[in-house]
């Protein structure tokens, strides 16, 4: 029997077990791919899942993505591979052919690489070690950038791994540790003698997220609210519920307002229906449509350009959107040609 079966049942085991029962995030007897970087959060996650495995009957595997950002990245990956061998868990290593130039590029490569492994080896569930601390930091990061409720609650319990990919099998990204803090994962790793690999880039203040983690959050905790992390994570949870509800209502509004794809190059909106609705629903319904049309994610300015046409004189039109689309009023319609 593997060493992890001899672990002492801790409060953290009980907390995660209870959460999984309540939220039904990871059904029993499923094949699950766990993303393990070697840091404290992902090590805590894989150890907890291994210890819970006898109760849930999961078939677990580990995937590690090497961005090649650091000189010791191969050694880090080797350490994770060694742990997988000791725990008798399948291990998959993905290595970046080109070193990602930005955090966004690295994130996209990481998720696409994990998707490749999941598809090839039939793992419908992918689990990451994002914590309550990550959720608080993400809210602050997106708030500073001017995000709406969607961005402020971006770290959700689960979502499709690859968005808007019709040819990709359904892969679900699950984050079961959003009620667990980074302090808890660090304590757990220490108690379990897990070999944390310290990532030097986490201290690099060139990255905005590191400044939030190492400077802004501690400042807020010291000078405003010792429980700032908890409060921010709770706000993200509340915003997520509100956003989900409004998204459903916006989808219904699109049907009422006859948002339609008239032809390959033309979309239309019945602005008479929109005139009697709340601005929050107008914005969401328009954003949903623009997501289908624009080559980039629609921002506040793009959405407001369409909203202005709801009450504008007939024949009013916008300047071109990214990609060249133009919206024009042909009452009662707002027609968008691409």
C-alpha atoms as a PDB file:
ATOM      1  CA  UNK A   1       0.000   0.000   0.000  1.00  0.00           C
ATOM      2  CA  UNK A   2       1.255   3.505  -0.871  1.00  0.00           C
ATOM      3  CA  UNK A   3       2.640   5.743   1.858  1.00  0.00           C
ATOM      4  CA  UNK A   4      -0.129   8.309   1.459  1.00  0.00           C
ATOM      5  CA  UNK A   5      -2.748   5.901   2.763  1.00  0.00           C
ATOM      6  CA  UNK A   6      -1.090   6.104   6.185  1.00  0.00           C
ATOM      7  CA  UNK A   7      -1.619   9.847   6.570  1.00  0.00           C
ATOM      8  CA  UNK A   8      -3.294  11.126   9.699  1.00  0.00           C
ATOM      9  CA  UNK A   9      -6.789  12.475   8.973  1.00  0.00           C
ATOM     10  CA  UNK A  10      -6.494  16.223   9.574  1.00  0.00           C
ATOM     11  CA  UNK A  11      -9.004  19.064   9.745  1.00  0.00           C
ATOM     12  CA  UNK A  12      -8.007  19.965   6.193  1.00  0.00           C
ATOM     13  CA  UNK A  13      -8.873  16.456   4.980  1.00  0.00           C
ATOM     14  CA  UNK A  14     -12.265  16.781   6.667  1.00  0.00           C
ATOM     15  CA  UNK A  15     -12.822  20.264   5.242  1.00  0.00           C
ATOM     16  CA  UNK A  16     -12.118  19.197   1.656  1.00  0.00           C
ATOM     17  CA  UNK A  17     -14.091  15.952   1.985  1.00  0.00           C
ATOM     18  CA  UNK A  18     -17.125  17.852   3.294  1.00  0.00           C
ATOM     19  CA  UNK A  19     -16.826  20.492   0.560  1.00  0.00           C
ATOM     20  CA  UNK A  20     -16.667  17.870  -2.183  1.00  0.00           C
ATOM     21  CA  UNK A  21     -19.757  16.170  -0.790  1.00  0.00           C
ATOM     22  CA  UNK A  22     -21.608  19.487  -0.608  1.00  0.00           C
ATOM     23  CA  UNK A  23     -20.628  20.914  -4.002  1.00  0.00           C
ATOM     24  CA  UNK A  24     -20.333  17.648  -5.955  1.00  0.00           C
ATOM     25  CA  UNK A  25     -17.263  18.968  -7.787  1.00  0.00           C
ATOM     26  CA  UNK A  26     -15.501  15.643  -8.339  1.00  0.00           C
ATOM     27  CA  UNK A  27     -17.852  12.667  -8.661  1.00  0.00           C
ATOM     28  CA  UNK A  28     -16.794   9.244  -7.421  1.00  0.00           C
ATOM     29  CA  UNK A  29     -14.831   6.832  -9.623  1.00  0.00           C
ATOM     30  CA  UNK A  30     -13.729   9.520 -12.110  1.00  0.00           C
ATOM     31  CA  UNK A  31     -10.419   9.866 -13.915  1.00  0.00           C
ATOM     32  CA  UNK A  32      -8.820  13.058 -12.614  1.00  0.00           C
ATOM     33  CA  UNK A  33      -5.713  14.890 -13.837  1.00  0.00           C
ATOM     34  CA  UNK A  34      -4.073  17.019 -11.130  1.00  0.00           C
ATOM     35  CA  UNK A  35      -1.865  19.961 -12.140  1.00  0.00           C
ATOM     36  CA  UNK A  36       1.163  19.958  -9.818  1.00  0.00           C
ATOM     37  CA  UNK A  37       3.776  22.694 -10.036  1.00  0.00           C
ATOM     38  CA  UNK A  38       5.734  21.565  -6.986  1.00  0.00           C
ATOM     39  CA  UNK A  39       4.707  24.584  -4.904  1.00  0.00           C
ATOM     40  CA  UNK A  40       2.886  24.317  -1.607  1.00  0.00           C
ATOM     41  CA  UNK A  41      -0.659  24.731  -2.948  1.00  0.00           C
ATOM     42  CA  UNK A  42      -0.466  22.025  -5.594  1.00  0.00           C
ATOM     43  CA  UNK A  43       1.449  19.642  -3.296  1.00  0.00           C
ATOM     44  CA  UNK A  44      -1.195  20.115  -0.636  1.00  0.00           C
ATOM     45  CA  UNK A  45      -3.897  19.437  -3.232  1.00  0.00           C
ATOM     46  CA  UNK A  46      -2.443  16.213  -4.614  1.00  0.00           C
ATOM     47  CA  UNK A  47      -1.715  14.863  -1.133  1.00  0.00           C
ATOM     48  CA  UNK A  48      -5.257  15.573   0.045  1.00  0.00           C
ATOM     49  CA  UNK A  49      -6.750  13.932  -3.058  1.00  0.00           C
ATOM     50  CA  UNK A  50      -4.520  10.883  -2.676  1.00  0.00           C
ATOM     51  CA  UNK A  51      -5.578  10.531   0.947  1.00  0.00           C
ATOM     52  CA  UNK A  52      -9.261  10.885   0.006  1.00  0.00           C
ATOM     53  CA  UNK A  53      -8.918   8.515  -2.953  1.00  0.00           C
ATOM     54  CA  UNK A  54      -9.964   5.342  -1.080  1.00  0.00           C
ATOM     55  CA  UNK A  55     -13.265   7.016  -0.128  1.00  0.00           C
ATOM     56  CA  UNK A  56     -13.982   8.344  -3.613  1.00  0.00           C
ATOM     57  CA  UNK A  57     -12.504   5.730  -5.936  1.00  0.00           C
ATOM     58  CA  UNK A  58     -10.789   8.243  -8.199  1.00  0.00           C
ATOM     59  CA  UNK A  59      -8.178   7.326 -10.806  1.00  0.00           C
ATOM     60  CA  UNK A  60      -5.609  10.093 -10.252  1.00  0.00           C
ATOM     61  CA  UNK A  61      -2.703  11.286 -12.407  1.00  0.00           C
ATOM     62  CA  UNK A  62      -0.282  14.221 -12.230  1.00  0.00           C
ATOM     63  CA  UNK A  63       0.610  16.694 -14.988  1.00  0.00           C
ATOM     64  CA  UNK A  64       3.487  19.158 -14.669  1.00  0.00           C
ATOM     65  CA  UNK A  65       4.078  22.065 -17.069  1.00  0.00           C
ATOM     66  CA  UNK A  66       7.653  23.290 -17.446  1.00  0.00           C
ATOM     67  CA  UNK A  67       7.689  26.841 -18.851  1.00  0.00           C
ATOM     68  CA  UNK A  68      11.527  26.827 -18.836  1.00  0.00           C
ATOM     69  CA  UNK A  69      11.437  30.249 -17.144  1.00  0.00           C
ATOM     70  CA  UNK A  70      14.025  29.305 -14.509  1.00  0.00           C
ATOM     71  CA  UNK A  71      17.390  27.566 -14.626  1.00  0.00           C
ATOM     72  CA  UNK A  72      16.140  25.005 -12.114  1.00  0.00           C
ATOM     73  CA  UNK A  73      12.849  24.235 -13.898  1.00  0.00           C
ATOM     74  CA  UNK A  74      13.996  20.775 -15.061  1.00  0.00           C
ATOM     75  CA  UNK A  75      15.129  19.910 -11.562  1.00  0.00           C
ATOM     76  CA  UNK A  76      11.753  21.064 -10.283  1.00  0.00           C
ATOM     77  CA  UNK A  77       9.953  18.842 -12.806  1.00  0.00           C
ATOM     78  CA  UNK A  78      12.198  15.908 -11.880  1.00  0.00           C
ATOM     79  CA  UNK A  79      11.227  16.355  -8.219  1.00  0.00           C
ATOM     80  CA  UNK A  80       7.518  16.228  -9.074  1.00  0.00           C
ATOM     81  CA  UNK A  81       8.136  13.149 -11.227  1.00  0.00           C
ATOM     82  CA  UNK A  82       9.906  11.485  -8.301  1.00  0.00           C
ATOM     83  CA  UNK A  83       6.941  12.189  -6.025  1.00  0.00           C
ATOM     84  CA  UNK A  84       4.568  10.708  -8.602  1.00  0.00           C
ATOM     85  CA  UNK A  85       6.704   7.565  -8.759  1.00  0.00           C
ATOM     86  CA  UNK A  86       6.763   7.268  -4.964  1.00  0.00           C
ATOM     87  CA  UNK A  87       2.999   7.677  -4.829  1.00  0.00           C
ATOM     88  CA  UNK A  88       2.507   5.237  -7.749  1.00  0.00           C
ATOM     89  CA  UNK A  89       0.615   7.862  -9.761  1.00  0.00           C
ATOM     90  CA  UNK A  90       0.884   8.284 -13.572  1.00  0.00           C
ATOM     91  CA  UNK A  91       2.972  11.351 -14.452  1.00  0.00           C
ATOM     92  CA  UNK A  92       2.887  13.537 -17.558  1.00  0.00           C
ATOM     93  CA  UNK A  93       5.449  16.261 -18.251  1.00  0.00           C
ATOM     94  CA  UNK A  94       4.780  19.087 -20.706  1.00  0.00           C
ATOM     95  CA  UNK A  95       7.760  21.242 -21.745  1.00  0.00           C
ATOM     96  CA  UNK A  96       7.400  24.579 -23.534  1.00  0.00           C
ATOM     97  CA  UNK A  97       9.128  24.555 -26.917  1.00  0.00           C
ATOM     98  CA  UNK A  98       9.446  28.341 -26.728  1.00  0.00           C
ATOM     99  CA  UNK A  99       9.762  30.176 -23.421  1.00  0.00           C
ATOM    100  CA  UNK A 100       6.522  32.191 -22.896  1.00  0.00           C
ATOM    101  CA  UNK A 101       7.146  35.931 -22.948  1.00  0.00           C
ATOM    102  CA  UNK A 102       4.240  36.955 -20.700  1.00  0.00           C
ATOM    103  CA  UNK A 103       2.077  35.539 -17.925  1.00  0.00           C
ATOM    104  CA  UNK A 104      -0.929  35.495 -20.260  1.00  0.00           C
ATOM    105  CA  UNK A 105       0.923  33.521 -22.938  1.00  0.00           C
ATOM    106  CA  UNK A 106       2.235  31.124 -20.298  1.00  0.00           C
ATOM    107  CA  UNK A 107      -1.253  30.568 -18.919  1.00  0.00           C
ATOM    108  CA  UNK A 108      -2.693  29.878 -22.367  1.00  0.00           C
ATOM    109  CA  UNK A 109       0.117  27.430 -23.185  1.00  0.00           C
ATOM    110  CA  UNK A 110      -0.297  25.721 -19.804  1.00  0.00           C
ATOM    111  CA  UNK A 111      -4.025  25.093 -20.214  1.00  0.00           C
ATOM    112  CA  UNK A 112      -3.663  23.956 -23.815  1.00  0.00           C
ATOM    113  CA  UNK A 113      -0.870  21.585 -22.798  1.00  0.00           C
ATOM    114  CA  UNK A 114      -2.934  20.170 -19.965  1.00  0.00           C
ATOM    115  CA  UNK A 115      -5.853  19.743 -22.374  1.00  0.00           C
ATOM    116  CA  UNK A 116      -3.620  17.719 -24.719  1.00  0.00           C
ATOM    117  CA  UNK A 117      -2.740  15.322 -21.918  1.00  0.00           C
ATOM    118  CA  UNK A 118      -6.333  15.112 -20.686  1.00  0.00           C
ATOM    119  CA  UNK A 119      -7.663  14.310 -24.159  1.00  0.00           C
ATOM    120  CA  UNK A 120      -4.939  11.822 -25.027  1.00  0.00           C
ATOM    121  CA  UNK A 121      -5.316   9.890 -21.772  1.00  0.00           C
ATOM    122  CA  UNK A 122      -9.043  10.331 -21.169  1.00  0.00           C
ATOM    123  CA  UNK A 123      -9.181  12.516 -18.069  1.00  0.00           C
ATOM    124  CA  UNK A 124     -12.438  14.541 -18.156  1.00  0.00           C
ATOM    125  CA  UNK A 125     -11.623  16.370 -14.893  1.00  0.00           C
ATOM    126  CA  UNK A 126      -8.600  18.633 -14.430  1.00  0.00           C
ATOM    127  CA  UNK A 127      -7.899  19.919 -10.920  1.00  0.00           C
ATOM    128  CA  UNK A 128      -5.733  22.891  -9.920  1.00  0.00           C
ATOM    129  CA  UNK A 129      -4.551  24.139  -6.533  1.00  0.00           C
ATOM    130  CA  UNK A 130      -6.023  27.654  -6.607  1.00  0.00           C
ATOM    131  CA  UNK A 131      -6.864  28.802  -3.090  1.00  0.00           C
ATOM    132  CA  UNK A 132      -8.930  31.388  -1.260  1.00  0.00           C
ATOM    133  CA  UNK A 133      -5.780  33.537  -1.279  1.00  0.00           C
ATOM    134  CA  UNK A 134      -5.583  33.340  -5.082  1.00  0.00           C
ATOM    135  CA  UNK A 135      -9.243  34.317  -5.276  1.00  0.00           C
ATOM    136  CA  UNK A 136      -8.673  37.441  -3.171  1.00  0.00           C
ATOM    137  CA  UNK A 137      -5.620  38.420  -5.212  1.00  0.00           C
ATOM    138  CA  UNK A 138      -7.453  37.893  -8.505  1.00  0.00           C
ATOM    139  CA  UNK A 139     -10.309  40.118  -7.372  1.00  0.00           C
ATOM    140  CA  UNK A 140      -7.869  42.913  -6.531  1.00  0.00           C
ATOM    141  CA  UNK A 141      -5.925  42.421  -9.778  1.00  0.00           C
ATOM    142  CA  UNK A 142      -9.048  42.630 -11.924  1.00  0.00           C
ATOM    143  CA  UNK A 143     -10.564  45.467  -9.877  1.00  0.00           C
ATOM    144  CA  UNK A 144      -7.492  47.601 -10.550  1.00  0.00           C
ATOM    145  CA  UNK A 145      -7.785  46.806 -14.266  1.00  0.00           C
ATOM    146  CA  UNK A 146     -11.433  47.908 -14.321  1.00  0.00           C
ATOM    147  CA  UNK A 147     -13.236  44.580 -14.603  1.00  0.00           C
ATOM    148  CA  UNK A 148     -16.935  44.004 -14.022  1.00  0.00           C
ATOM    149  CA  UNK A 149     -18.484  41.280 -11.890  1.00  0.00           C
ATOM    150  CA  UNK A 150     -17.252  38.569 -14.271  1.00  0.00           C
ATOM    151  CA  UNK A 151     -13.620  39.539 -13.813  1.00  0.00           C
ATOM    152  CA  UNK A 152     -13.948  40.164 -10.081  1.00  0.00           C
ATOM    153  CA  UNK A 153     -15.243  36.622  -9.623  1.00  0.00           C
ATOM    154  CA  UNK A 154     -13.016  35.052 -12.275  1.00  0.00           C
ATOM    155  CA  UNK A 155     -11.722  32.177 -10.141  1.00  0.00           C
ATOM    156  CA  UNK A 156     -14.778  29.932 -10.142  1.00  0.00           C
ATOM    157  CA  UNK A 157     -15.234  26.487  -8.641  1.00  0.00           C
ATOM    158  CA  UNK A 158     -15.399  24.957 -12.091  1.00  0.00           C
ATOM    159  CA  UNK A 159     -15.487  25.893 -15.767  1.00  0.00           C
ATOM    160  CA  UNK A 160     -14.658  24.368 -19.157  1.00  0.00           C
ATOM    161  CA  UNK A 161     -10.879  24.023 -19.447  1.00  0.00           C
ATOM    162  CA  UNK A 162     -10.736  25.439 -22.974  1.00  0.00           C
ATOM    163  CA  UNK A 163     -13.369  28.065 -23.743  1.00  0.00           C
ATOM    164  CA  UNK A 164     -15.132  28.289 -27.113  1.00  0.00           C
ATOM    165  CA  UNK A 165     -13.483  25.251 -28.666  1.00  0.00           C
ATOM    166  CA  UNK A 166     -16.172  23.292 -30.480  1.00  0.00           C
ATOM    167  CA  UNK A 167     -13.721  20.572 -31.536  1.00  0.00           C
ATOM    168  CA  UNK A 168     -12.354  20.032 -27.996  1.00  0.00           C
ATOM    169  CA  UNK A 169     -13.959  17.266 -25.903  1.00  0.00           C
ATOM    170  CA  UNK A 170     -15.691  18.488 -22.764  1.00  0.00           C
ATOM    171  CA  UNK A 171     -12.999  18.968 -20.141  1.00  0.00           C
ATOM    172  CA  UNK A 172     -13.919  20.443 -16.782  1.00  0.00           C
ATOM    173  CA  UNK A 173     -11.430  22.538 -14.810  1.00  0.00           C
ATOM    174  CA  UNK A 174     -12.144  22.195 -11.079  1.00  0.00           C
ATOM    175  CA  UNK A 175     -10.730  24.290  -8.232  1.00  0.00           C
ATOM    176  CA  UNK A 176     -11.708  22.493  -5.008  1.00  0.00           C
ATOM    177  CA  UNK A 177      -9.510  24.542  -2.641  1.00  0.00           C
ATOM    178  CA  UNK A 178     -11.171  27.957  -2.951  1.00  0.00           C
ATOM    179  CA  UNK A 179     -12.141  27.822   0.729  1.00  0.00           C
ATOM    180  CA  UNK A 180      -8.583  26.963   1.814  1.00  0.00           C
ATOM    181  CA  UNK A 181      -5.950  29.674   2.372  1.00  0.00           C
ATOM    182  CA  UNK A 182      -2.287  29.695   1.407  1.00  0.00           C
ATOM    183  CA  UNK A 183      -1.432  29.715   5.119  1.00  0.00           C
ATOM    184  CA  UNK A 184      -3.338  26.444   5.520  1.00  0.00           C
ATOM    185  CA  UNK A 185      -1.599  24.781   2.572  1.00  0.00           C
ATOM    186  CA  UNK A 186       1.808  25.841   3.914  1.00  0.00           C
ATOM    187  CA  UNK A 187       1.062  24.430   7.369  1.00  0.00           C
ATOM    188  CA  UNK A 188      -0.239  21.199   5.861  1.00  0.00           C
ATOM    189  CA  UNK A 189       2.870  20.705   3.727  1.00  0.00           C
ATOM    190  CA  UNK A 190       5.064  21.279   6.750  1.00  0.00           C
ATOM    191  CA  UNK A 191       3.104  18.805   8.882  1.00  0.00           C
ATOM    192  CA  UNK A 192       3.140  16.193   6.100  1.00  0.00           C
ATOM    193  CA  UNK A 193       6.852  16.742   5.330  1.00  0.00           C
ATOM    194  CA  UNK A 194       6.091  17.517   1.706  1.00  0.00           C
ATOM    195  CA  UNK A 195       9.112  18.826  -0.255  1.00  0.00           C
ATOM    196  CA  UNK A 196       7.946  22.264  -1.407  1.00  0.00           C
ATOM    197  CA  UNK A 197       9.811  23.639  -4.408  1.00  0.00           C
ATOM    198  CA  UNK A 198      10.214  27.373  -3.847  1.00  0.00           C
ATOM    199  CA  UNK A 199       9.594  29.240  -7.093  1.00  0.00           C
ATOM    200  CA  UNK A 200      11.896  32.272  -7.156  1.00  0.00           C
ATOM    201  CA  UNK A 201       9.643  34.034  -9.674  1.00  0.00           C
ATOM    202  CA  UNK A 202       6.953  34.321  -6.982  1.00  0.00           C
ATOM    203  CA  UNK A 203       9.101  36.995  -5.338  1.00  0.00           C
ATOM    204  CA  UNK A 204       9.724  38.943  -8.551  1.00  0.00           C
ATOM    205  CA  UNK A 205       7.875  42.237  -8.075  1.00  0.00           C
ATOM    206  CA  UNK A 206       8.039  42.847 -11.823  1.00  0.00           C
ATOM    207  CA  UNK A 207       4.815  40.818 -11.954  1.00  0.00           C
ATOM    208  CA  UNK A 208       1.672  42.659 -10.809  1.00  0.00           C
ATOM    209  CA  UNK A 209       0.241  39.601  -9.074  1.00  0.00           C
ATOM    210  CA  UNK A 210       3.365  39.274  -6.949  1.00  0.00           C
ATOM    211  CA  UNK A 211       3.097  42.914  -5.880  1.00  0.00           C
ATOM    212  CA  UNK A 212      -0.499  42.314  -4.869  1.00  0.00           C
ATOM    213  CA  UNK A 213       0.472  39.168  -2.943  1.00  0.00           C
ATOM    214  CA  UNK A 214       3.592  40.495  -1.256  1.00  0.00           C
ATOM    215  CA  UNK A 215       2.783  44.185  -0.826  1.00  0.00           C
ATOM    216  CA  UNK A 216      -0.860  45.201  -1.349  1.00  0.00           C
ATOM    217  CA  UNK A 217      -2.674  42.434   0.527  1.00  0.00           C
ATOM    218  CA  UNK A 218      -0.376  42.604   3.578  1.00  0.00           C
ATOM    219  CA  UNK A 219      -0.877  46.392   3.605  1.00  0.00           C
ATOM    220  CA  UNK A 220      -4.668  45.991   3.532  1.00  0.00           C
ATOM    221  CA  UNK A 221      -4.506  43.394   6.314  1.00  0.00           C
ATOM    222  CA  UNK A 222      -2.295  45.609   8.473  1.00  0.00           C
ATOM    223  CA  UNK A 223      -4.028  48.947   7.972  1.00  0.00           C
ATOM    224  CA  UNK A 224      -7.647  48.163   7.054  1.00  0.00           C
ATOM    225  CA  UNK A 225      -8.891  44.655   7.812  1.00  0.00           C
ATOM    226  CA  UNK A 226      -6.924  41.699   9.249  1.00  0.00           C
ATOM    227  CA  UNK A 227      -9.461  39.458   7.507  1.00  0.00           C
ATOM    228  CA  UNK A 228      -9.137  41.213   4.140  1.00  0.00           C
ATOM    229  CA  UNK A 229      -8.333  37.976   2.330  1.00  0.00           C
ATOM    230  CA  UNK A 230     -11.466  36.290   3.690  1.00  0.00           C
ATOM    231  CA  UNK A 231     -13.619  39.335   2.920  1.00  0.00           C
ATOM    232  CA  UNK A 232     -12.367  39.612  -0.666  1.00  0.00           C
ATOM    233  CA  UNK A 233     -12.842  35.908  -1.353  1.00  0.00           C
ATOM    234  CA  UNK A 234     -16.357  36.097   0.076  1.00  0.00           C
ATOM    235  CA  UNK A 235     -17.106  39.076  -2.162  1.00  0.00           C
ATOM    236  CA  UNK A 236     -15.906  37.072  -5.179  1.00  0.00           C
ATOM    237  CA  UNK A 237     -18.282  34.243  -4.224  1.00  0.00           C
ATOM    238  CA  UNK A 238     -21.244  36.624  -3.918  1.00  0.00           C
ATOM    239  CA  UNK A 239     -20.401  38.321  -7.207  1.00  0.00           C
ATOM    240  CA  UNK A 240     -20.161  34.954  -8.948  1.00  0.00           C
ATOM    241  CA  UNK A 241     -23.696  34.014  -7.915  1.00  0.00           C
ATOM    242  CA  UNK A 242     -25.009  37.421  -9.061  1.00  0.00           C
ATOM    243  CA  UNK A 243     -23.120  37.185 -12.352  1.00  0.00           C
ATOM    244  CA  UNK A 244     -24.449  33.694 -13.076  1.00  0.00           C
ATOM    245  CA  UNK A 245     -28.022  34.820 -12.458  1.00  0.00           C
ATOM    246  CA  UNK A 246     -27.663  37.926 -14.628  1.00  0.00           C
ATOM    247  CA  UNK A 247     -26.033  35.909 -17.397  1.00  0.00           C
ATOM    248  CA  UNK A 248     -29.089  33.639 -17.575  1.00  0.00           C
ATOM    249  CA  UNK A 249     -31.390  36.672 -17.610  1.00  0.00           C
ATOM    250  CA  UNK A 250     -29.303  38.282 -20.366  1.00  0.00           C
ATOM    251  CA  UNK A 251     -29.570  35.135 -22.481  1.00  0.00           C
ATOM    252  CA  UNK A 252     -33.354  35.274 -22.112  1.00  0.00           C
ATOM    253  CA  UNK A 253     -33.308  38.956 -23.090  1.00  0.00           C
ATOM    254  CA  UNK A 254     -31.374  38.094 -26.253  1.00  0.00           C
ATOM    255  CA  UNK A 255     -34.216  35.781 -27.260  1.00  0.00           C
ATOM    256  CA  UNK A 256     -36.855  38.429 -26.488  1.00  0.00           C
ATOM    257  CA  UNK A 257     -34.955  41.096 -28.394  1.00  0.00           C
ATOM    258  CA  UNK A 258     -34.505  38.808 -31.397  1.00  0.00           C
ATOM    259  CA  UNK A 259     -30.719  38.957 -31.311  1.00  0.00           C
ATOM    260  CA  UNK A 260     -30.078  36.963 -34.447  1.00  0.00           C
ATOM    261  CA  UNK A 261     -27.445  35.948 -36.937  1.00  0.00           C
ATOM    262  CA  UNK A 262     -29.134  37.117 -40.162  1.00  0.00           C
ATOM    263  CA  UNK A 263     -26.349  36.008 -42.469  1.00  0.00           C
ATOM    264  CA  UNK A 264     -22.667  35.173 -42.392  1.00  0.00           C
ATOM    265  CA  UNK A 265     -21.779  38.874 -42.194  1.00  0.00           C
ATOM    266  CA  UNK A 266     -24.831  40.373 -40.464  1.00  0.00           C
ATOM    267  CA  UNK A 267     -26.305  40.350 -36.962  1.00  0.00           C
ATOM    268  CA  UNK A 268     -29.259  42.317 -35.639  1.00  0.00           C
ATOM    269  CA  UNK A 269     -30.898  43.463 -32.389  1.00  0.00           C
ATOM    270  CA  UNK A 270     -34.444  44.687 -31.832  1.00  0.00           C
ATOM    271  CA  UNK A 271     -33.714  47.881 -29.958  1.00  0.00           C
ATOM    272  CA  UNK A 272     -37.376  48.499 -29.027  1.00  0.00           C
ATOM    273  CA  UNK A 273     -37.221  45.561 -26.606  1.00  0.00           C
ATOM    274  CA  UNK A 274     -33.942  46.767 -25.118  1.00  0.00           C
ATOM    275  CA  UNK A 275     -35.347  50.254 -24.496  1.00  0.00           C
ATOM    276  CA  UNK A 276     -37.484  48.918 -21.660  1.00  0.00           C
ATOM    277  CA  UNK A 277     -34.805  46.896 -19.888  1.00  0.00           C
ATOM    278  CA  UNK A 278     -32.240  47.664 -17.211  1.00  0.00           C
ATOM    279  CA  UNK A 279     -28.768  48.797 -18.281  1.00  0.00           C
ATOM    280  CA  UNK A 280     -27.161  45.810 -16.520  1.00  0.00           C
ATOM    281  CA  UNK A 281     -29.069  43.352 -18.711  1.00  0.00           C
ATOM    282  CA  UNK A 282     -28.515  45.456 -21.832  1.00  0.00           C
ATOM    283  CA  UNK A 283     -24.754  45.365 -21.266  1.00  0.00           C
ATOM    284  CA  UNK A 284     -24.657  41.636 -20.643  1.00  0.00           C
ATOM    285  CA  UNK A 285     -26.804  40.758 -23.640  1.00  0.00           C
ATOM    286  CA  UNK A 286     -24.732  43.013 -25.915  1.00  0.00           C
ATOM    287  CA  UNK A 287     -21.492  41.585 -24.512  1.00  0.00           C
ATOM    288  CA  UNK A 288     -22.696  38.056 -25.252  1.00  0.00           C
ATOM    289  CA  UNK A 289     -23.378  39.022 -28.873  1.00  0.00           C
ATOM    290  CA  UNK A 290     -20.089  40.887 -29.319  1.00  0.00           C
ATOM    291  CA  UNK A 291     -18.198  37.860 -28.020  1.00  0.00           C
ATOM    292  CA  UNK A 292     -19.473  36.021 -31.100  1.00  0.00           C
ATOM    293  CA  UNK A 293     -18.575  38.829 -33.474  1.00  0.00           C
ATOM    294  CA  UNK A 294     -15.339  40.505 -32.391  1.00  0.00           C
ATOM    295  CA  UNK A 295     -11.869  38.960 -32.705  1.00  0.00           C
ATOM    296  CA  UNK A 296     -11.046  40.301 -29.210  1.00  0.00           C
ATOM    297  CA  UNK A 297     -12.872  40.217 -25.882  1.00  0.00           C
ATOM    298  CA  UNK A 298     -15.429  43.063 -25.858  1.00  0.00           C
ATOM    299  CA  UNK A 299     -14.661  45.833 -23.390  1.00  0.00           C
ATOM    300  CA  UNK A 300     -16.780  48.543 -21.775  1.00  0.00           C
ATOM    301  CA  UNK A 301     -16.255  50.988 -24.642  1.00  0.00           C
ATOM    302  CA  UNK A 302     -17.356  48.440 -27.268  1.00  0.00           C
ATOM    303  CA  UNK A 303     -20.509  47.616 -25.330  1.00  0.00           C
ATOM    304  CA  UNK A 304     -21.416  51.247 -24.701  1.00  0.00           C
ATOM    305  CA  UNK A 305     -21.107  52.066 -28.414  1.00  0.00           C
ATOM    306  CA  UNK A 306     -23.941  49.606 -29.068  1.00  0.00           C
ATOM    307  CA  UNK A 307     -25.959  50.814 -26.071  1.00  0.00           C
ATOM    308  CA  UNK A 308     -25.870  54.377 -27.382  1.00  0.00           C
ATOM    309  CA  UNK A 309     -27.686  53.171 -30.498  1.00  0.00           C
ATOM    310  CA  UNK A 310     -30.640  51.902 -28.437  1.00  0.00           C
ATOM    311  CA  UNK A 311     -32.039  55.450 -28.266  1.00  0.00           C
ATOM    312  CA  UNK A 312     -30.093  57.114 -31.099  1.00  0.00           C
ATOM    313  CA  UNK A 313     -31.768  58.619 -34.210  1.00  0.00           C
ATOM    314  CA  UNK A 314     -32.400  56.352 -37.164  1.00  0.00           C
ATOM    315  CA  UNK A 315     -29.367  55.756 -39.418  1.00  0.00           C
ATOM    316  CA  UNK A 316     -26.943  56.520 -36.578  1.00  0.00           C
ATOM    317  CA  UNK A 317     -23.885  54.291 -36.699  1.00  0.00           C
ATOM    318  CA  UNK A 318     -20.689  53.483 -34.857  1.00  0.00           C
ATOM    319  CA  UNK A 319     -17.124  53.776 -35.979  1.00  0.00           C
ATOM    320  CA  UNK A 320     -15.529  50.386 -36.763  1.00  0.00           C
ATOM    321  CA  UNK A 321     -14.980  47.823 -34.007  1.00  0.00           C
ATOM    322  CA  UNK A 322     -11.824  45.690 -33.898  1.00  0.00           C
ATOM    323  CA  UNK A 323     -12.001  43.476 -36.957  1.00  0.00           C
ATOM    324  CA  UNK A 324     -13.970  46.071 -38.926  1.00  0.00           C
ATOM    325  CA  UNK A 325     -17.563  45.439 -37.747  1.00  0.00           C
ATOM    326  CA  UNK A 326     -19.939  48.443 -37.879  1.00  0.00           C
ATOM    327  CA  UNK A 327     -23.332  48.864 -36.169  1.00  0.00           C
ATOM    328  CA  UNK A 328     -26.081  51.028 -37.694  1.00  0.00           C
ATOM    329  CA  UNK A 329     -29.662  51.868 -36.662  1.00  0.00           C
ATOM    330  CA  UNK A 330     -32.308  50.771 -39.159  1.00  0.00           C
ATOM    331  CA  UNK A 331     -35.292  51.143 -36.873  1.00  0.00           C
ATOM    332  CA  UNK A 332     -36.422  49.008 -35.077  1.00  0.00           C
ATOM    333  CA  UNK A 333     -33.164  47.145 -35.623  1.00  0.00           C
ATOM    334  CA  UNK A 334     -29.539  47.706 -34.762  1.00  0.00           C
ATOM    335  CA  UNK A 335     -27.763  45.916 -37.591  1.00  0.00           C
ATOM    336  CA  UNK A 336     -24.152  44.849 -37.145  1.00  0.00           C
ATOM    337  CA  UNK A 337     -22.209  43.984 -40.284  1.00  0.00           C
ATOM    338  CA  UNK A 338     -18.789  42.354 -40.180  1.00  0.00           C
END
